[in-house]
Amino acid sequence: MVIGTDTTYLGNEIPGLHGKKVRIFAVLRGGIRPDADPDADGYYVTDDEALAHLGGVTAEDRIDAMPLRWDGSTSFVHVDPRVIDLECFAHLQKPRAQ
């Protein structure tokens, strides 16, 4: 299950969010690609079954998420972090050259 998952934001792209919990509401397929088309079918995926049918989450995706408040409710603010900046998808990061 991806949609509805709570995870921690580990990146630095979104100021003030590092180390904070977020809840996933959708996957923006290919969201980091320069040719990403938000109007394309299958771009904004809000269902785990549809996501699985499209091949799941990749390192090229972004996530539509909302920060969690201390009481477990979500903020009204939506953020779109890269999947590799979320703890639950950190395994999709490419290893850095040494």
C-alpha atoms as a PDB file:
ATOM      1  CA  MET A   1       0.000   0.000   0.000  1.00  0.00           C
ATOM      2  CA  VAL A   2       1.288   3.443  -0.971  1.00  0.00           C
ATOM      3  CA  ILE A   3      -1.737   5.734  -0.912  1.00  0.00           C
ATOM      4  CA  GLY A   4      -2.475   6.737   2.674  1.00  0.00           C
ATOM      5  CA  THR A   5       0.991   5.792   3.941  1.00  0.00           C
ATOM      6  CA  ASP A   6       2.625   8.007   6.566  1.00  0.00           C
ATOM      7  CA  THR A   7       6.363   8.461   6.139  1.00  0.00           C
ATOM      8  CA  THR A   8       9.174  10.921   6.910  1.00  0.00           C
ATOM      9  CA  TYR A   9      10.499  13.534   4.505  1.00  0.00           C
ATOM     10  CA  LEU A  10      14.301  13.252   4.360  1.00  0.00           C
ATOM     11  CA  GLY A  11      15.095  15.742   1.595  1.00  0.00           C
ATOM     12  CA  ASN A  12      16.069  19.408   1.544  1.00  0.00           C
ATOM     13  CA  GLU A  13      14.103  20.524  -1.520  1.00  0.00           C
ATOM     14  CA  ILE A  14      11.110  21.720   0.564  1.00  0.00           C
ATOM     15  CA  PRO A  15      12.263  24.188   3.239  1.00  0.00           C
ATOM     16  CA  GLY A  16      11.209  23.395   6.802  1.00  0.00           C
ATOM     17  CA  LEU A  17       9.897  19.906   6.035  1.00  0.00           C
ATOM     18  CA  HIS A  18      13.064  17.841   6.626  1.00  0.00           C
ATOM     19  CA  GLY A  19      12.448  15.211   9.311  1.00  0.00           C
ATOM     20  CA  LYS A  20       8.687  15.810   9.368  1.00  0.00           C
ATOM     21  CA  LYS A  21       5.984  13.192   8.820  1.00  0.00           C
ATOM     22  CA  VAL A  22       3.794  13.388   5.718  1.00  0.00           C
ATOM     23  CA  ARG A  23       0.830  11.375   4.429  1.00  0.00           C
ATOM     24  CA  ILE A  24       0.793  10.222   0.796  1.00  0.00           C
ATOM     25  CA  PHE A  25      -2.362  11.084  -1.169  1.00  0.00           C
ATOM     26  CA  ALA A  26      -1.250  10.396  -4.741  1.00  0.00           C
ATOM     27  CA  VAL A  27       1.690   9.535  -6.968  1.00  0.00           C
ATOM     28  CA  LEU A  28       2.632  11.944  -9.751  1.00  0.00           C
ATOM     29  CA  ARG A  29       4.015   9.498 -12.305  1.00  0.00           C
ATOM     30  CA  GLY A  30       7.180  10.810 -13.965  1.00  0.00           C
ATOM     31  CA  GLY A  31       6.833  14.047 -11.986  1.00  0.00           C
ATOM     32  CA  ILE A  32      10.546  14.895 -11.970  1.00  0.00           C
ATOM     33  CA  ARG A  33      10.948  14.461 -15.712  1.00  0.00           C
ATOM     34  CA  PRO A  34      11.209  17.714 -17.709  1.00  0.00           C
ATOM     35  CA  ASP A  35       8.574  16.411 -20.142  1.00  0.00           C
ATOM     36  CA  ALA A  36       6.071  15.489 -17.393  1.00  0.00           C
ATOM     37  CA  ASP A  37       2.488  16.213 -18.455  1.00  0.00           C
ATOM     38  CA  PRO A  38       0.113  16.784 -15.517  1.00  0.00           C
ATOM     39  CA  ASP A  39      -2.824  16.443 -17.916  1.00  0.00           C
ATOM     40  CA  ALA A  40      -1.804  12.996 -19.176  1.00  0.00           C
ATOM     41  CA  ASP A  41      -3.810   9.913 -18.250  1.00  0.00           C
ATOM     42  CA  GLY A  42      -2.075   8.028 -15.461  1.00  0.00           C
ATOM     43  CA  TYR A  43      -0.096  11.044 -14.213  1.00  0.00           C
ATOM     44  CA  TYR A  44      -2.016  11.672 -10.960  1.00  0.00           C
ATOM     45  CA  VAL A  45      -2.660   8.254  -9.396  1.00  0.00           C
ATOM     46  CA  THR A  46      -4.773   8.020  -6.227  1.00  0.00           C
ATOM     47  CA  ASP A  47      -5.440   4.292  -6.136  1.00  0.00           C
ATOM     48  CA  ASP A  48      -3.010   1.512  -5.177  1.00  0.00           C
ATOM     49  CA  GLU A  49      -4.498  -0.929  -7.677  1.00  0.00           C
ATOM     50  CA  ALA A  50      -4.138   1.546 -10.550  1.00  0.00           C
ATOM     51  CA  LEU A  51      -0.608   2.345  -9.381  1.00  0.00           C
ATOM     52  CA  ALA A  52       0.326  -1.340  -9.408  1.00  0.00           C
ATOM     53  CA  HIS A  53      -1.161  -1.701 -12.910  1.00  0.00           C
ATOM     54  CA  LEU A  54       1.071   1.194 -14.078  1.00  0.00           C
ATOM     55  CA  GLY A  55       4.194  -0.474 -12.661  1.00  0.00           C
ATOM     56  CA  GLY A  56       4.342   0.999  -9.158  1.00  0.00           C
ATOM     57  CA  VAL A  57       6.458   3.848  -7.858  1.00  0.00           C
ATOM     58  CA  THR A  58       9.719   4.778  -9.587  1.00  0.00           C
ATOM     59  CA  ALA A  59      12.587   7.155  -8.810  1.00  0.00           C
ATOM     60  CA  GLU A  60      11.198   9.511 -11.512  1.00  0.00           C
ATOM     61  CA  ASP A  61       7.959  10.127  -9.599  1.00  0.00           C
ATOM     62  CA  ARG A  62       6.824  12.783  -7.188  1.00  0.00           C
ATOM     63  CA  ILE A  63       4.291  12.343  -4.406  1.00  0.00           C
ATOM     64  CA  ASP A  64       1.266  14.467  -3.530  1.00  0.00           C
ATOM     65  CA  ALA A  65       1.508  14.586   0.254  1.00  0.00           C
ATOM     66  CA  MET A  66       0.318  16.615   3.211  1.00  0.00           C
ATOM     67  CA  PRO A  67       2.347  17.275   6.363  1.00  0.00           C
ATOM     68  CA  LEU A  68       1.018  15.612   9.509  1.00  0.00           C
ATOM     69  CA  ARG A  69       0.221  17.641  12.589  1.00  0.00           C
ATOM     70  CA  TRP A  70       1.153  16.504  16.098  1.00  0.00           C
ATOM     71  CA  ASP A  71      -2.363  15.027  16.569  1.00  0.00           C
ATOM     72  CA  GLY A  72      -2.170  12.903  13.401  1.00  0.00           C
ATOM     73  CA  SER A  73      -4.419  15.113  11.286  1.00  0.00           C
ATOM     74  CA  THR A  74      -3.123  16.573   8.040  1.00  0.00           C
ATOM     75  CA  SER A  75      -2.358  20.158   7.176  1.00  0.00           C
ATOM     76  CA  PHE A  76      -4.314  21.789   4.355  1.00  0.00           C
ATOM     77  CA  VAL A  77      -1.011  22.368   2.545  1.00  0.00           C
ATOM     78  CA  HIS A  78      -0.042  19.930  -0.215  1.00  0.00           C
ATOM     79  CA  VAL A  79       3.618  19.316  -1.071  1.00  0.00           C
ATOM     80  CA  ASP A  80       5.101  17.342  -3.958  1.00  0.00           C
ATOM     81  CA  PRO A  81       8.406  15.817  -2.845  1.00  0.00           C
ATOM     82  CA  ARG A  82      10.474  13.477  -4.993  1.00  0.00           C
ATOM     83  CA  VAL A  83       9.841   9.863  -3.992  1.00  0.00           C
ATOM     84  CA  ILE A  84      13.528   9.368  -3.209  1.00  0.00           C
ATOM     85  CA  ASP A  85      13.222  12.052  -0.522  1.00  0.00           C
ATOM     86  CA  LEU A  86      10.720   9.979   1.454  1.00  0.00           C
ATOM     87  CA  GLU A  87      11.899   7.412   3.973  1.00  0.00           C
ATOM     88  CA  CYS A  88       9.648   4.660   2.613  1.00  0.00           C
ATOM     89  CA  PHE A  89      11.172   5.019  -0.876  1.00  0.00           C
ATOM     90  CA  ALA A  90      14.790   5.814   0.039  1.00  0.00           C
ATOM     91  CA  HIS A  91      15.783   2.432  -1.421  1.00  0.00           C
ATOM     92  CA  LEU A  92      15.053   3.856  -4.906  1.00  0.00           C
ATOM     93  CA  GLN A  93      17.989   6.280  -4.645  1.00  0.00           C
ATOM     94  CA  LYS A  94      20.939   5.533  -6.853  1.00  0.00           C
ATOM     95  CA  PRO A  95      24.130   4.916  -4.876  1.00  0.00           C
ATOM     96  CA  ARG A  96      26.513   7.864  -4.992  1.00  0.00           C
ATOM     97  CA  ALA A  97      29.863   7.425  -6.746  1.00  0.00           C
ATOM     98  CA  GLN A  98      32.813   7.505  -4.390  1.00  0.00           C
END
